[in-house]
Amino acid sequence: MRNVCLISLALALSGCAIQRDVTFVYYPDPPHSNTFPPISQFEADAQKECARYGLVAVHEWDNWTSYQRVRSHWRCVQP
């Protein structure tokens, strides 16, 4: 039992047991379109963020929230 506790503590501290994901919230019709990054930039930003941990970003889902916002969710997985 002691070994199990030590292994799980080591995994939690090292970050291996933590799920990583990236979420973007945006408005499809922003008031100032030139100040917001294009939607195509989200994939590059998600890949860059996941690459910091040696992972690859995979698009999971989009959903519409209140006030016409869109939430785009990307999960970091092993390559």
PDB file of N, CA and C in Angstrom:
ATOM      1  N   MET A   1       0.829  -1.190   0.000  1.00  0.00           N
ATOM      2  CA  MET A   1       0.000   0.000   0.000  1.00  0.00           C
ATOM      3  C   MET A   1       0.875   1.257   0.000  1.00  0.00           C
ATOM      4  N   ARG A   2       1.964   1.169   0.703  1.00  0.00           N
ATOM      5  CA  ARG A   2       2.859   2.319   0.766  1.00  0.00           C
ATOM      6  C   ARG A   2       3.451   2.626  -0.605  1.00  0.00           C
ATOM      7  N   ASN A   3       3.795   1.579  -1.358  1.00  0.00           N
ATOM      8  CA  ASN A   3       4.354   1.788  -2.700  1.00  0.00           C
ATOM      9  C   ASN A   3       3.339   2.437  -3.637  1.00  0.00           C
ATOM     10  N   VAL A   4       2.085   2.042  -3.527  1.00  0.00           N
ATOM     11  CA  VAL A   4       1.044   2.621  -4.372  1.00  0.00           C
ATOM     12  C   VAL A   4       0.902   4.114  -4.074  1.00  0.00           C
ATOM     13  N   CYS A   5       0.929   4.469  -2.813  1.00  0.00           N
ATOM     14  CA  CYS A   5       0.822   5.884  -2.432  1.00  0.00           C
ATOM     15  C   CYS A   5       2.015   6.686  -2.946  1.00  0.00           C
ATOM     16  N   LEU A   6       3.206   6.122  -2.848  1.00  0.00           N
ATOM     17  CA  LEU A   6       4.396   6.824  -3.313  1.00  0.00           C
ATOM     18  C   LEU A   6       4.389   6.998  -4.834  1.00  0.00           C
ATOM     19  N   ILE A   7       3.948   5.971  -5.554  1.00  0.00           N
ATOM     20  CA  ILE A   7       3.895   6.067  -7.014  1.00  0.00           C
ATOM     21  C   ILE A   7       2.858   7.093  -7.450  1.00  0.00           C
ATOM     22  N   SER A   8       1.677   7.078  -6.852  1.00  0.00           N
ATOM     23  CA  SER A   8       0.646   8.048  -7.239  1.00  0.00           C
ATOM     24  C   SER A   8       1.051   9.464  -6.850  1.00  0.00           C
ATOM     25  N   LEU A   9       1.753   9.632  -5.749  1.00  0.00           N
ATOM     26  CA  LEU A   9       2.245  10.952  -5.366  1.00  0.00           C
ATOM     27  C   LEU A   9       3.287  11.439  -6.372  1.00  0.00           C
ATOM     28  N   ALA A  10       4.165  10.552  -6.801  1.00  0.00           N
ATOM     29  CA  ALA A  10       5.181  10.924  -7.786  1.00  0.00           C
ATOM     30  C   ALA A  10       4.543  11.300  -9.119  1.00  0.00           C
ATOM     31  N   LEU A  11       3.511  10.561  -9.551  1.00  0.00           N
ATOM     32  CA  LEU A  11       2.821  10.894 -10.795  1.00  0.00           C
ATOM     33  C   LEU A  11       2.103  12.238 -10.696  1.00  0.00           C
ATOM     34  N   ALA A  12       1.471  12.489  -9.579  1.00  0.00           N
ATOM     35  CA  ALA A  12       0.747  13.751  -9.410  1.00  0.00           C
ATOM     36  C   ALA A  12       1.703  14.937  -9.402  1.00  0.00           C
ATOM     37  N   LEU A  13       2.839  14.788  -8.765  1.00  0.00           N
ATOM     38  CA  LEU A  13       3.805  15.878  -8.702  1.00  0.00           C
ATOM     39  C   LEU A  13       4.514  16.106 -10.032  1.00  0.00           C
ATOM     40  N   SER A  14       4.683  15.058 -10.810  1.00  0.00           N
ATOM     41  CA  SER A  14       5.372  15.200 -12.089  1.00  0.00           C
ATOM     42  C   SER A  14       4.462  15.720 -13.194  1.00  0.00           C
ATOM     43  N   GLY A  15       3.168  15.696 -12.976  1.00  0.00           N
ATOM     44  CA  GLY A  15       2.240  16.186 -13.985  1.00  0.00           C
ATOM     45  C   GLY A  15       1.778  15.120 -14.950  1.00  0.00           C
ATOM     46  N   CYS A  16       2.223  13.893 -14.795  1.00  0.00           N
ATOM     47  CA  CYS A  16       1.826  12.830 -15.710  1.00  0.00           C
ATOM     48  C   CYS A  16       0.376  12.403 -15.499  1.00  0.00           C
ATOM     49  N   ALA A  17      -0.151  12.620 -14.344  1.00  0.00           N
ATOM     50  CA  ALA A  17      -1.514  12.188 -14.051  1.00  0.00           C
ATOM     51  C   ALA A  17      -2.537  13.271 -14.366  1.00  0.00           C
ATOM     52  N   ILE A  18      -2.107  14.402 -14.888  1.00  0.00           N
ATOM     53  CA  ILE A  18      -3.008  15.516 -15.146  1.00  0.00           C
ATOM     54  C   ILE A  18      -3.400  15.528 -16.616  1.00  0.00           C
ATOM     55  N   GLN A  19      -4.693  15.631 -16.872  1.00  0.00           N
ATOM     56  CA  GLN A  19      -5.175  15.760 -18.241  1.00  0.00           C
ATOM     57  C   GLN A  19      -4.981  17.193 -18.700  1.00  0.00           C
ATOM     58  N   ARG A  20      -4.494  17.373 -19.906  1.00  0.00           N
ATOM     59  CA  ARG A  20      -4.250  18.717 -20.421  1.00  0.00           C
ATOM     60  C   ARG A  20      -5.198  18.979 -21.582  1.00  0.00           C
ATOM     61  N   ASP A  21      -5.747  20.182 -21.618  1.00  0.00           N
ATOM     62  CA  ASP A  21      -6.587  20.587 -22.734  1.00  0.00           C
ATOM     63  C   ASP A  21      -6.533  22.100 -22.893  1.00  0.00           C
ATOM     64  N   VAL A  22      -6.982  22.558 -24.058  1.00  0.00           N
ATOM     65  CA  VAL A  22      -6.968  23.977 -24.403  1.00  0.00           C
ATOM     66  C   VAL A  22      -8.377  24.337 -24.871  1.00  0.00           C
ATOM     67  N   THR A  23      -8.922  25.444 -24.373  1.00  0.00           N
ATOM     68  CA  THR A  23     -10.255  25.891 -24.764  1.00  0.00           C
ATOM     69  C   THR A  23     -10.191  27.353 -25.201  1.00  0.00           C
ATOM     70  N   PHE A  24     -10.807  27.643 -26.342  1.00  0.00           N
ATOM     71  CA  PHE A  24     -10.905  29.006 -26.840  1.00  0.00           C
ATOM     72  C   PHE A  24     -12.366  29.423 -26.798  1.00  0.00           C
ATOM     73  N   VAL A  25     -12.635  30.629 -26.352  1.00  0.00           N
ATOM     74  CA  VAL A  25     -13.974  31.200 -26.386  1.00  0.00           C
ATOM     75  C   VAL A  25     -13.909  32.420 -27.306  1.00  0.00           C
ATOM     76  N   TYR A  26     -14.775  32.447 -28.313  1.00  0.00           N
ATOM     77  CA  TYR A  26     -14.742  33.553 -29.257  1.00  0.00           C
ATOM     78  C   TYR A  26     -16.145  33.900 -29.725  1.00  0.00           C
ATOM     79  N   TYR A  27     -16.276  35.062 -30.311  1.00  0.00           N
ATOM     80  CA  TYR A  27     -17.514  35.526 -30.917  1.00  0.00           C
ATOM     81  C   TYR A  27     -17.378  35.417 -32.426  1.00  0.00           C
ATOM     82  N   PRO A  28     -18.308  34.762 -33.111  1.00  0.00           N
ATOM     83  CA  PRO A  28     -18.187  34.622 -34.566  1.00  0.00           C
ATOM     84  C   PRO A  28     -18.198  35.966 -35.293  1.00  0.00           C
ATOM     85  N   ASP A  29     -18.928  36.946 -34.772  1.00  0.00           N
ATOM     86  CA  ASP A  29     -19.002  38.269 -35.390  1.00  0.00           C
ATOM     87  C   ASP A  29     -18.520  39.317 -34.388  1.00  0.00           C
ATOM     88  N   PRO A  30     -17.211  39.400 -34.146  1.00  0.00           N
ATOM     89  CA  PRO A  30     -16.723  40.374 -33.162  1.00  0.00           C
ATOM     90  C   PRO A  30     -16.906  41.797 -33.666  1.00  0.00           C
ATOM     91  N   PRO A  31     -17.039  42.753 -32.759  1.00  0.00           N
ATOM     92  CA  PRO A  31     -17.236  44.136 -33.190  1.00  0.00           C
ATOM     93  C   PRO A  31     -16.021  44.713 -33.934  1.00  0.00           C
ATOM     94  N   HIS A  32     -14.840  44.333 -33.545  1.00  0.00           N
ATOM     95  CA  HIS A  32     -13.612  44.817 -34.190  1.00  0.00           C
ATOM     96  C   HIS A  32     -12.857  43.605 -34.731  1.00  0.00           C
ATOM     97  N   SER A  33     -13.181  43.191 -35.923  1.00  0.00           N
ATOM     98  CA  SER A  33     -12.640  41.948 -36.478  1.00  0.00           C
ATOM     99  C   SER A  33     -11.128  41.967 -36.633  1.00  0.00           C
ATOM    100  N   ASN A  34     -10.523  43.135 -36.777  1.00  0.00           N
ATOM    101  CA  ASN A  34      -9.078  43.177 -37.009  1.00  0.00           C
ATOM    102  C   ASN A  34      -8.273  42.986 -35.720  1.00  0.00           C
ATOM    103  N   THR A  35      -8.900  43.047 -34.555  1.00  0.00           N
ATOM    104  CA  THR A  35      -8.157  42.878 -33.302  1.00  0.00           C
ATOM    105  C   THR A  35      -8.212  41.450 -32.774  1.00  0.00           C
ATOM    106  N   PHE A  36      -9.071  40.598 -33.334  1.00  0.00           N
ATOM    107  CA  PHE A  36      -9.194  39.223 -32.879  1.00  0.00           C
ATOM    108  C   PHE A  36      -8.444  38.302 -33.829  1.00  0.00           C
ATOM    109  N   PRO A  37      -7.806  37.246 -33.315  1.00  0.00           N
ATOM    110  CA  PRO A  37      -7.130  36.311 -34.225  1.00  0.00           C
ATOM    111  C   PRO A  37      -8.167  35.524 -35.027  1.00  0.00           C
ATOM    112  N   PRO A  38      -7.828  35.103 -36.233  1.00  0.00           N
ATOM    113  CA  PRO A  38      -8.773  34.301 -37.018  1.00  0.00           C
ATOM    114  C   PRO A  38      -8.948  32.918 -36.393  1.00  0.00           C
ATOM    115  N   ILE A  39     -10.068  32.298 -36.690  1.00  0.00           N
ATOM    116  CA  ILE A  39     -10.363  30.973 -36.130  1.00  0.00           C
ATOM    117  C   ILE A  39      -9.310  29.956 -36.561  1.00  0.00           C
ATOM    118  N   SER A  40      -8.753  30.129 -37.745  1.00  0.00           N
ATOM    119  CA  SER A  40      -7.722  29.200 -38.222  1.00  0.00           C
ATOM    120  C   SER A  40      -6.466  29.252 -37.349  1.00  0.00           C
ATOM    121  N   GLN A  41      -6.278  30.320 -36.615  1.00  0.00           N
ATOM    122  CA  GLN A  41      -5.112  30.459 -35.735  1.00  0.00           C
ATOM    123  C   GLN A  41      -5.253  29.613 -34.470  1.00  0.00           C
ATOM    124  N   PHE A  42      -6.477  29.211 -34.125  1.00  0.00           N
ATOM    125  CA  PHE A  42      -6.702  28.444 -32.904  1.00  0.00           C
ATOM    126  C   PHE A  42      -5.949  27.114 -32.929  1.00  0.00           C
ATOM    127  N   GLU A  43      -5.954  26.437 -34.073  1.00  0.00           N
ATOM    128  CA  GLU A  43      -5.259  25.152 -34.156  1.00  0.00           C
ATOM    129  C   GLU A  43      -3.760  25.328 -33.926  1.00  0.00           C
ATOM    130  N   ALA A  44      -3.169  26.350 -34.514  1.00  0.00           N
ATOM    131  CA  ALA A  44      -1.739  26.586 -34.334  1.00  0.00           C
ATOM    132  C   ALA A  44      -1.420  26.915 -32.876  1.00  0.00           C
ATOM    133  N   ASP A  45      -2.269  27.711 -32.243  1.00  0.00           N
ATOM    134  CA  ASP A  45      -2.052  28.045 -30.833  1.00  0.00           C
ATOM    135  C   ASP A  45      -2.220  26.817 -29.940  1.00  0.00           C
ATOM    136  N   ALA A  46      -3.209  25.981 -30.234  1.00  0.00           N
ATOM    137  CA  ALA A  46      -3.420  24.766 -29.442  1.00  0.00           C
ATOM    138  C   ALA A  46      -2.245  23.807 -29.617  1.00  0.00           C
ATOM    139  N   GLN A  47      -1.743  23.664 -30.846  1.00  0.00           N
ATOM    140  CA  GLN A  47      -0.590  22.789 -31.086  1.00  0.00           C
ATOM    141  C   GLN A  47       0.636  23.300 -30.333  1.00  0.00           C
ATOM    142  N   LYS A  48       0.826  24.611 -30.338  1.00  0.00           N
ATOM    143  CA  LYS A  48       1.979  25.193 -29.650  1.00  0.00           C
ATOM    144  C   LYS A  48       1.878  24.986 -28.135  1.00  0.00           C
ATOM    145  N   GLU A  49       0.680  25.158 -27.593  1.00  0.00           N
ATOM    146  CA  GLU A  49       0.493  24.982 -26.147  1.00  0.00           C
ATOM    147  C   GLU A  49       0.706  23.529 -25.734  1.00  0.00           C
ATOM    148  N   CYS A  50       0.181  22.579 -26.514  1.00  0.00           N
ATOM    149  CA  CYS A  50       0.352  21.161 -26.178  1.00  0.00           C
ATOM    150  C   CYS A  50       1.792  20.705 -26.397  1.00  0.00           C
ATOM    151  N   ALA A  51       2.483  21.295 -27.364  1.00  0.00           N
ATOM    152  CA  ALA A  51       3.869  20.914 -27.646  1.00  0.00           C
ATOM    153  C   ALA A  51       4.781  21.227 -26.463  1.00  0.00           C
ATOM    154  N   ARG A  52       4.387  22.167 -25.625  1.00  0.00           N
ATOM    155  CA  ARG A  52       5.192  22.476 -24.439  1.00  0.00           C
ATOM    156  C   ARG A  52       5.329  21.263 -23.530  1.00  0.00           C
ATOM    157  N   TYR A  53       4.367  20.340 -23.599  1.00  0.00           N
ATOM    158  CA  TYR A  53       4.373  19.144 -22.765  1.00  0.00           C
ATOM    159  C   TYR A  53       4.669  17.886 -23.565  1.00  0.00           C
ATOM    160  N   GLY A  54       5.094  18.048 -24.816  1.00  0.00           N
ATOM    161  CA  GLY A  54       5.412  16.900 -25.664  1.00  0.00           C
ATOM    162  C   GLY A  54       4.170  16.195 -26.173  1.00  0.00           C
ATOM    163  N   LEU A  55       3.046  16.915 -26.296  1.00  0.00           N
ATOM    164  CA  LEU A  55       1.790  16.326 -26.731  1.00  0.00           C
ATOM    165  C   LEU A  55       1.320  16.970 -28.031  1.00  0.00           C
ATOM    166  N   VAL A  56       0.262  16.412 -28.603  1.00  0.00           N
ATOM    167  CA  VAL A  56      -0.325  16.910 -29.848  1.00  0.00           C
ATOM    168  C   VAL A  56      -1.778  17.288 -29.574  1.00  0.00           C
ATOM    169  N   ALA A  57      -2.238  18.398 -30.131  1.00  0.00           N
ATOM    170  CA  ALA A  57      -3.618  18.854 -29.922  1.00  0.00           C
ATOM    171  C   ALA A  57      -4.565  18.172 -30.906  1.00  0.00           C
ATOM    172  N   VAL A  58      -5.700  17.696 -30.377  1.00  0.00           N
ATOM    173  CA  VAL A  58      -6.745  17.078 -31.190  1.00  0.00           C
ATOM    174  C   VAL A  58      -8.044  17.832 -30.906  1.00  0.00           C
ATOM    175  N   HIS A  59      -8.711  18.291 -31.970  1.00  0.00           N
ATOM    176  CA  HIS A  59      -9.966  19.033 -31.795  1.00  0.00           C
ATOM    177  C   HIS A  59     -11.050  18.080 -31.326  1.00  0.00           C
ATOM    178  N   GLU A  60     -11.723  18.439 -30.227  1.00  0.00           N
ATOM    179  CA  GLU A  60     -12.772  17.576 -29.692  1.00  0.00           C
ATOM    180  C   GLU A  60     -14.168  18.051 -30.044  1.00  0.00           C
ATOM    181  N   TRP A  61     -14.512  19.289 -29.721  1.00  0.00           N
ATOM    182  CA  TRP A  61     -15.864  19.763 -29.965  1.00  0.00           C
ATOM    183  C   TRP A  61     -15.932  21.286 -29.932  1.00  0.00           C
ATOM    184  N   ASP A  62     -17.000  21.798 -30.520  1.00  0.00           N
ATOM    185  CA  ASP A  62     -17.370  23.208 -30.455  1.00  0.00           C
ATOM    186  C   ASP A  62     -18.792  23.261 -29.916  1.00  0.00           C
ATOM    187  N   ASN A  63     -19.118  24.293 -29.170  1.00  0.00           N
ATOM    188  CA  ASN A  63     -20.505  24.479 -28.773  1.00  0.00           C
ATOM    189  C   ASN A  63     -20.813  25.959 -28.664  1.00  0.00           C
ATOM    190  N   TRP A  64     -22.083  26.260 -28.846  1.00  0.00           N
ATOM    191  CA  TRP A  64     -22.555  27.634 -28.741  1.00  0.00           C
ATOM    192  C   TRP A  64     -22.980  27.886 -27.314  1.00  0.00           C
ATOM    193  N   THR A  65     -22.517  28.972 -26.740  1.00  0.00           N
ATOM    194  CA  THR A  65     -22.896  29.333 -25.389  1.00  0.00           C
ATOM    195  C   THR A  65     -23.804  30.557 -25.442  1.00  0.00           C
ATOM    196  N   SER A  66     -24.095  31.111 -24.311  1.00  0.00           N
ATOM    197  CA  SER A  66     -24.952  32.296 -24.273  1.00  0.00           C
ATOM    198  C   SER A  66     -24.274  33.476 -24.962  1.00  0.00           C
ATOM    199  N   TYR A  67     -25.070  34.423 -25.393  1.00  0.00           N
ATOM    200  CA  TYR A  67     -24.598  35.648 -26.057  1.00  0.00           C
ATOM    201  C   TYR A  67     -23.833  35.355 -27.343  1.00  0.00           C
ATOM    202  N   GLN A  68     -24.193  34.288 -28.038  1.00  0.00           N
ATOM    203  CA  GLN A  68     -23.609  33.941 -29.335  1.00  0.00           C
ATOM    204  C   GLN A  68     -22.110  33.698 -29.274  1.00  0.00           C
ATOM    205  N   ARG A  69     -21.627  33.218 -28.158  1.00  0.00           N
ATOM    206  CA  ARG A  69     -20.205  32.849 -28.064  1.00  0.00           C
ATOM    207  C   ARG A  69     -20.036  31.406 -28.515  1.00  0.00           C
ATOM    208  N   VAL A  70     -18.877  31.100 -29.037  1.00  0.00           N
ATOM    209  CA  VAL A  70     -18.540  29.736 -29.433  1.00  0.00           C
ATOM    210  C   VAL A  70     -17.352  29.294 -28.600  1.00  0.00           C
ATOM    211  N   ARG A  71     -17.427  28.076 -28.056  1.00  0.00           N
ATOM    212  CA  ARG A  71     -16.327  27.524 -27.277  1.00  0.00           C
ATOM    213  C   ARG A  71     -15.746  26.347 -28.056  1.00  0.00           C
ATOM    214  N   SER A  72     -14.465  26.431 -28.356  1.00  0.00           N
ATOM    215  CA  SER A  72     -13.761  25.402 -29.108  1.00  0.00           C
ATOM    216  C   SER A  72     -12.798  24.693 -28.155  1.00  0.00           C
ATOM    217  N   HIS A  73     -12.925  23.355 -28.083  1.00  0.00           N
ATOM    218  CA  HIS A  73     -12.161  22.586 -27.097  1.00  0.00           C
ATOM    219  C   HIS A  73     -11.163  21.663 -27.808  1.00  0.00           C
ATOM    220  N   TRP A  74      -9.920  21.692 -27.366  1.00  0.00           N
ATOM    221  CA  TRP A  74      -8.838  20.881 -27.922  1.00  0.00           C
ATOM    222  C   TRP A  74      -8.226  20.065 -26.794  1.00  0.00           C
ATOM    223  N   ARG A  75      -8.025  18.760 -26.980  1.00  0.00           N
ATOM    224  CA  ARG A  75      -7.417  17.892 -25.979  1.00  0.00           C
ATOM    225  C   ARG A  75      -5.986  17.563 -26.388  1.00  0.00           C
ATOM    226  N   CYS A  76      -5.086  17.586 -25.421  1.00  0.00           N
ATOM    227  CA  CYS A  76      -3.676  17.231 -25.672  1.00  0.00           C
ATOM    228  C   CYS A  76      -3.512  15.729 -25.453  1.00  0.00           C
ATOM    229  N   VAL A  77      -3.003  15.036 -26.478  1.00  0.00           N
ATOM    230  CA  VAL A  77      -2.820  13.586 -26.409  1.00  0.00           C
ATOM    231  C   VAL A  77      -1.382  13.235 -26.778  1.00  0.00           C
ATOM    232  N   GLN A  78      -0.999  12.006 -26.481  1.00  0.00           N
ATOM    233  CA  GLN A  78       0.334  11.523 -26.841  1.00  0.00           C
ATOM    234  C   GLN A  78       0.423  11.389 -28.365  1.00  0.00           C
ATOM    235  N   PRO A  79       1.556  11.759 -28.961  1.00  0.00           N
ATOM    236  CA  PRO A  79       1.690  11.633 -30.424  1.00  0.00           C
ATOM    237  C   PRO A  79       1.789  10.195 -30.877  1.00  0.00           C
TER     238      PRO A  79
END
